Amino acid sequence: MNPKKTPATEAEATPTVDDKELLKQKKEEAKQRKEAEKEEKKVEKQSKKKGAGAAKGKKEKKEQRRNPLKMHGKKYRAVAAKIDKEKTYSLTEAVKLVKETSVTKFDGSVEIHTRLGINTKKSDQVIRSTVALPHGTGKKLRVIAFVGEDKAAEAKKLGAIEAGENSLIEKIAKGWLDFDVAIATPEMMKGLGKIAKTLGQKGLMPNPKAGTVTPDIGNAIAEIQKGKVEFRNDSFGILHNLVGKVSFDDAKLIENIKTYLKAVNESKPKAVKGAFIQSISLASSMGPGIRIDAAGVIREL
């Protein structure tokens, strides 16, 4: 015979109000967990889509880096097709091509880029000098002169767009940098400390090696306007300079380039062994680069 349930046993078998609340709470928690899992899956799916999009973007950028022509317009691509990237051209051929591949509506400048076999971390291999191009660069340079206030008017008559000492220093300190070359008399150099960093970062600080620190301000301005250019290597050991305009005839451009390269070659430091001028390329403003037979040109200098 089954024993009769005691009141206590009956109470255990029948869910209390608290038990019902607990069961309801568990169901609610299970429901919330499902919703949270569903939301996580949704976020994960969106994240994968974004990741795929980013990967696609990276792939496209990589393709552009692999083929830079895709980043240029039709006009550029059309002229770039005239250049054989695997070939090094003679100077005469390169000058003709640089004119044919000019893409600007204005009279573009002709740029020369020269890679040097130097160690830029060693101070005795840093290249900085000047050369007077026989036919100039075709560009009128804006020159300023740091001179005593009593000589400012004279410097302006000689061709400086601005001249003076404290007044000019204060103007530059406030952000004015609308000039191409800065020259100074030796006694003015000690007063340029306030703007030395600003001028140095822009490559505009007067320097004796560049011929921009001189007592003869008039002669310095005249030489700069006639075609005297400064060349100095960047952190990669490359020189970047203008050697004329697209409108120059071939003979003038060739003479300018040879004069420039001769000056560069003569500036070779004693510490540099092996080939000094490693590669040369020519380009017009916004035009494609043309590789020149460096060894061949050097033999002609």
Protein backbone atom coordinates (compact mmCIF):
# COMPACT_ATOMS: atom_id res chain seq x y z
CA MET A 1 0.00 0.00 0.00
CA ASN A 2 1.16 3.50 -0.85
CA PRO A 3 1.59 5.60 2.20
CA LYS A 4 -0.50 8.72 2.37
CA LYS A 5 1.31 11.93 1.52
CA THR A 6 2.07 14.05 4.48
CA PRO A 7 1.16 17.74 4.31
CA ALA A 8 4.88 18.56 3.97
CA THR A 9 5.27 16.23 0.96
CA GLU A 10 2.18 17.73 -0.70
CA ALA A 11 3.58 21.19 -0.20
CA GLU A 12 6.84 20.15 -1.90
CA ALA A 13 4.95 18.70 -4.91
CA THR A 14 2.85 21.83 -5.47
CA PRO A 15 4.81 24.82 -6.96
CA THR A 16 4.73 27.86 -4.73
CA VAL A 17 4.36 31.45 -5.90
CA ASP A 18 8.13 31.89 -5.55
CA ASP A 19 8.78 28.86 -7.73
CA LYS A 20 6.50 30.22 -10.43
CA GLU A 21 8.31 33.55 -10.40
CA LEU A 22 11.67 31.79 -10.65
CA LEU A 23 10.50 29.72 -13.63
CA LYS A 24 9.17 32.81 -15.35
CA GLN A 25 12.46 34.60 -14.72
CA LYS A 26 14.46 31.72 -16.23
CA LYS A 27 12.28 31.71 -19.35
CA GLU A 28 12.78 35.45 -19.69
CA GLU A 29 16.57 35.07 -19.32
CA ALA A 30 16.62 32.30 -21.96
CA LYS A 31 14.67 34.56 -24.31
CA GLN A 32 17.11 37.44 -23.73
CA ARG A 33 20.08 35.12 -24.36
CA LYS A 34 18.62 34.05 -27.69
CA GLU A 35 18.03 37.66 -28.71
CA ALA A 36 21.61 38.57 -27.68
CA GLU A 37 23.01 35.64 -29.68
CA LYS A 38 20.93 36.68 -32.65
CA GLU A 39 22.23 40.25 -32.38
CA GLU A 40 25.84 39.01 -32.09
CA LYS A 41 25.46 36.96 -35.25
CA LYS A 42 24.02 39.98 -37.04
CA VAL A 43 26.94 42.20 -35.93
CA GLU A 44 29.43 39.48 -36.89
CA LYS A 45 27.89 39.20 -40.33
CA GLN A 46 28.07 42.98 -40.86
CA SER A 47 31.67 42.99 -39.64
CA LYS A 48 32.59 40.31 -42.16
CA LYS A 49 31.00 42.37 -44.94
CA LYS A 50 32.98 45.46 -43.85
CA GLY A 51 36.13 43.37 -43.67
CA ALA A 52 35.55 42.10 -47.17
CA GLY A 53 34.97 45.68 -48.36
CA ALA A 54 38.16 46.88 -46.68
CA ALA A 55 40.09 43.98 -48.17
CA LYS A 56 38.72 44.89 -51.58
CA GLY A 57 39.73 48.52 -51.04
CA LYS A 58 43.24 47.47 -50.04
CA LYS A 59 43.45 45.25 -53.11
CA GLU A 60 42.41 48.15 -55.35
CA LYS A 61 44.99 50.45 -53.74
CA LYS A 62 47.63 47.78 -54.18
CA GLU A 63 46.67 47.50 -57.85
CA GLN A 64 47.00 51.27 -58.21
CA ARG A 65 50.44 51.18 -56.61
CA ARG A 66 51.40 48.37 -58.94
CA ASN A 67 50.16 50.33 -61.93
CA PRO A 68 50.41 54.10 -61.21
CA LEU A 69 49.01 54.92 -64.66
CA LYS A 70 45.53 54.03 -63.35
CA MET A 71 45.76 57.09 -61.11
CA HIS A 72 46.27 59.47 -64.07
CA GLY A 73 43.99 60.89 -66.74
CA LYS A 74 43.70 59.88 -70.40
CA LYS A 75 45.99 62.66 -71.59
CA TYR A 76 48.78 61.59 -69.24
CA ARG A 77 48.38 57.91 -70.15
CA ALA A 78 48.51 58.77 -73.84
CA VAL A 79 51.86 60.59 -73.56
CA ALA A 80 53.26 58.06 -71.07
CA ALA A 81 52.72 55.35 -73.68
CA LYS A 82 55.41 57.05 -75.79
CA ILE A 83 58.03 56.21 -73.17
CA ASP A 84 59.64 52.79 -72.91
CA LYS A 85 60.03 52.23 -69.16
CA GLU A 86 62.65 49.54 -69.75
CA LYS A 87 64.88 51.81 -71.82
CA THR A 88 67.41 54.49 -70.88
CA TYR A 89 67.50 57.32 -73.42
CA SER A 90 70.34 59.49 -74.64
CA LEU A 91 70.19 63.12 -73.48
CA THR A 92 69.13 64.30 -76.95
CA GLU A 93 66.32 61.72 -77.11
CA ALA A 94 65.17 62.55 -73.58
CA VAL A 95 64.98 66.30 -74.29
CA LYS A 96 62.81 65.67 -77.36
CA LEU A 97 60.57 63.31 -75.39
CA VAL A 98 60.18 65.67 -72.43
CA LYS A 99 58.66 68.22 -74.79
CA GLU A 100 56.39 65.71 -76.48
CA THR A 101 55.11 64.43 -73.12
CA SER A 102 54.29 67.81 -71.57
CA VAL A 103 50.63 67.71 -70.52
CA THR A 104 50.11 71.24 -69.16
CA LYS A 105 48.42 74.10 -70.99
CA PHE A 106 51.01 76.52 -69.57
CA ASP A 107 54.73 76.55 -70.38
CA GLY A 108 55.84 73.78 -68.05
CA SER A 109 59.21 73.56 -66.34
CA VAL A 110 61.72 70.84 -67.15
CA GLU A 111 62.79 68.98 -64.00
CA ILE A 112 65.88 66.83 -63.50
CA HIS A 113 66.06 64.19 -60.74
CA THR A 114 69.48 62.71 -59.99
CA ARG A 115 70.08 59.77 -57.64
CA LEU A 116 73.51 59.86 -55.99
CA GLY A 117 75.55 57.04 -54.50
CA ILE A 118 75.95 58.71 -51.11
CA ASN A 119 75.23 57.85 -47.49
CA THR A 120 72.98 60.70 -46.34
CA LYS A 121 73.57 59.83 -42.67
CA LYS A 122 77.22 60.85 -42.98
CA SER A 123 77.82 64.60 -42.88
CA ASP A 124 80.89 64.40 -45.13
CA GLN A 125 78.71 62.99 -47.93
CA VAL A 126 75.98 65.64 -47.89
CA ILE A 127 75.83 67.50 -51.20
CA ARG A 128 75.04 71.22 -51.27
CA SER A 129 76.34 73.68 -53.83
CA THR A 130 75.28 76.03 -56.62
CA VAL A 131 75.61 76.27 -60.39
CA ALA A 132 74.88 79.08 -62.85
CA LEU A 133 72.84 77.72 -65.75
CA PRO A 134 73.88 79.43 -69.02
CA HIS A 135 70.27 79.97 -70.11
CA GLY A 136 68.61 80.26 -66.69
CA THR A 137 65.57 78.29 -65.54
CA GLY A 138 63.01 80.46 -67.30
CA LYS A 139 61.45 81.22 -63.96
CA LYS A 140 61.67 84.62 -62.25
CA LEU A 141 62.48 83.97 -58.61
CA ARG A 142 61.17 86.04 -55.70
CA VAL A 143 64.16 87.07 -53.59
CA ILE A 144 64.16 88.65 -50.13
CA ALA A 145 67.19 90.20 -48.42
CA PHE A 146 68.07 90.34 -44.74
CA VAL A 147 70.01 93.59 -44.50
CA GLY A 148 70.19 96.54 -42.13
CA GLU A 149 67.09 98.75 -42.25
CA ASP A 150 69.25 101.55 -43.73
CA LYS A 151 70.05 99.32 -46.75
CA ALA A 152 66.54 97.92 -47.28
CA ALA A 153 65.53 100.48 -49.93
CA GLU A 154 68.72 99.85 -51.90
CA ALA A 155 68.19 96.04 -51.81
CA LYS A 156 64.67 96.51 -53.19
CA LYS A 157 66.03 98.65 -56.04
CA LEU A 158 68.46 95.82 -56.83
CA GLY A 159 65.58 93.34 -57.22
CA ALA A 160 64.54 92.08 -53.77
CA ILE A 161 60.76 91.93 -53.27
CA GLU A 162 61.24 92.50 -49.51
CA ALA A 163 64.25 93.66 -47.50
CA GLY A 164 65.11 94.67 -43.97
CA GLU A 165 65.94 93.18 -40.60
CA ASN A 166 63.53 93.23 -37.66
CA SER A 167 60.49 94.17 -39.76
CA LEU A 168 61.15 91.31 -42.20
CA ILE A 169 61.88 88.81 -39.42
CA GLU A 170 58.60 89.68 -37.70
CA LYS A 171 56.67 89.34 -40.97
CA ILE A 172 58.06 85.81 -41.52
CA ALA A 173 57.48 84.89 -37.86
CA LYS A 174 53.77 85.65 -38.45
CA GLY A 175 53.65 83.14 -41.32
CA TRP A 176 54.60 85.03 -44.48
CA LEU A 177 56.62 82.80 -46.84
CA ASP A 178 55.74 84.09 -50.33
CA PHE A 179 59.29 84.01 -51.70
CA ASP A 180 61.68 81.54 -53.35
CA VAL A 181 65.14 82.56 -52.10
CA ALA A 182 66.40 84.34 -48.99
CA ILE A 183 69.79 86.04 -48.90
CA ALA A 184 71.53 87.80 -46.02
CA THR A 185 74.63 89.76 -45.17
CA PRO A 186 76.94 87.92 -42.69
CA GLU A 187 76.15 90.27 -39.79
CA MET A 188 72.41 89.59 -40.16
CA MET A 189 72.71 85.83 -39.55
CA LYS A 190 72.81 86.05 -35.74
CA GLY A 191 69.40 87.74 -35.75
CA LEU A 192 67.67 84.95 -37.70
CA GLY A 193 67.47 82.54 -34.75
CA LYS A 194 63.79 83.38 -34.19
CA ILE A 195 62.83 82.14 -37.67
CA ALA A 196 65.66 79.66 -38.33
CA LYS A 197 63.40 76.62 -37.85
CA THR A 198 60.69 78.02 -40.13
CA LEU A 199 63.17 78.86 -42.90
CA GLY A 200 65.09 75.59 -42.42
CA GLN A 201 62.00 73.41 -42.80
CA LYS A 202 61.19 75.12 -46.11
CA GLY A 203 64.80 74.99 -47.35
CA LEU A 204 64.96 78.80 -47.33
CA MET A 205 67.61 79.45 -44.68
CA PRO A 206 70.51 81.52 -46.09
CA ASN A 207 73.71 79.49 -46.28
CA PRO A 208 77.29 80.37 -47.30
CA LYS A 209 77.58 77.12 -49.34
CA ALA A 210 74.61 78.21 -51.42
CA GLY A 211 76.04 81.70 -51.90
CA THR A 212 73.08 83.23 -50.08
CA VAL A 213 75.15 84.67 -47.23
CA THR A 214 77.23 87.44 -48.76
CA PRO A 215 78.11 91.10 -48.23
CA ASP A 216 77.42 91.76 -51.94
CA ILE A 217 73.62 91.57 -51.96
CA GLY A 218 73.28 93.20 -55.40
CA ASN A 219 75.51 90.65 -57.12
CA ALA A 220 73.78 87.74 -55.32
CA ILE A 221 70.34 88.90 -56.51
CA ALA A 222 71.61 89.38 -60.08
CA GLU A 223 73.16 85.87 -60.18
CA ILE A 224 69.99 84.24 -58.87
CA GLN A 225 67.84 86.00 -61.45
CA LYS A 226 70.25 85.09 -64.27
CA GLY A 227 69.97 81.37 -63.52
CA LYS A 228 72.05 80.45 -60.49
CA VAL A 229 70.44 77.43 -58.82
CA GLU A 230 71.22 75.59 -55.61
CA PHE A 231 71.33 71.80 -55.55
CA ARG A 232 71.29 69.67 -52.42
CA ASN A 233 70.35 66.08 -51.73
CA ASP A 234 67.19 65.03 -49.92
CA SER A 235 67.07 62.28 -47.27
CA PHE A 236 67.12 59.62 -50.03
CA GLY A 237 70.25 60.99 -51.69
CA ILE A 238 68.36 62.49 -54.64
CA LEU A 239 68.72 65.96 -56.19
CA HIS A 240 65.64 67.72 -57.60
CA ASN A 241 66.09 70.83 -59.76
CA LEU A 242 64.65 72.88 -62.61
CA VAL A 243 66.84 73.17 -65.71
CA GLY A 244 64.62 75.21 -68.02
CA LYS A 245 61.22 75.43 -69.68
CA VAL A 246 59.48 73.24 -72.24
CA SER A 247 59.55 76.24 -74.60
CA PHE A 248 63.39 76.32 -74.57
CA ASP A 249 64.93 74.98 -77.76
CA ASP A 250 66.70 71.62 -77.53
CA ALA A 251 70.22 73.09 -77.64
CA LYS A 252 69.57 75.41 -74.68
CA LEU A 253 68.07 72.64 -72.58
CA ILE A 254 70.94 70.27 -73.37
CA GLU A 255 73.53 72.94 -72.49
CA ASN A 256 71.76 73.72 -69.21
CA ILE A 257 71.54 70.03 -68.28
CA LYS A 258 75.19 69.33 -69.10
CA THR A 259 76.33 72.38 -67.10
CA TYR A 260 74.21 71.24 -64.16
CA LEU A 261 75.42 67.62 -64.25
CA LYS A 262 79.05 68.70 -64.59
CA ALA A 263 78.72 70.80 -61.41
CA VAL A 264 77.05 67.90 -59.60
CA ASN A 265 79.71 65.44 -60.71
CA GLU A 266 82.47 67.80 -59.55
CA SER A 267 80.89 67.97 -56.09
CA LYS A 268 81.57 64.27 -55.44
CA PRO A 269 82.87 63.84 -51.86
CA LYS A 270 86.21 62.04 -51.40
CA ALA A 271 84.51 59.54 -49.07
CA VAL A 272 82.23 58.27 -51.86
CA LYS A 273 83.54 55.23 -53.70
CA GLY A 274 82.16 53.81 -56.93
CA ALA A 275 79.57 55.46 -59.17
CA PHE A 276 78.53 58.85 -57.82
CA ILE A 277 75.71 59.70 -60.24
CA GLN A 278 73.67 56.49 -60.30
CA SER A 279 70.59 57.46 -62.26
CA ILE A 280 69.08 60.49 -63.98
CA SER A 281 65.52 61.16 -65.07
CA LEU A 282 63.90 64.08 -66.85
CA ALA A 283 60.26 65.20 -66.66
CA SER A 284 58.08 68.17 -67.51
CA SER A 285 55.70 69.68 -64.96
CA MET A 286 53.18 66.93 -64.12
CA GLY A 287 54.56 64.82 -66.97
CA PRO A 288 55.96 61.27 -66.87
CA GLY A 289 59.60 60.57 -66.06
CA ILE A 290 62.14 59.69 -68.75
CA ARG A 291 65.20 57.68 -67.72
CA ILE A 292 68.52 58.89 -69.14
CA ASP A 293 71.65 56.86 -69.80
CA ALA A 294 73.64 58.34 -66.89
CA ALA A 295 76.97 56.76 -67.78
CA GLY A 296 76.67 57.94 -71.36
CA VAL A 297 75.89 61.54 -70.37
CA ILE A 298 78.75 61.66 -67.85
CA ARG A 299 81.20 60.56 -70.54
CA GLU A 300 80.09 63.55 -72.65
CA LEU A 301 80.66 66.14 -69.90
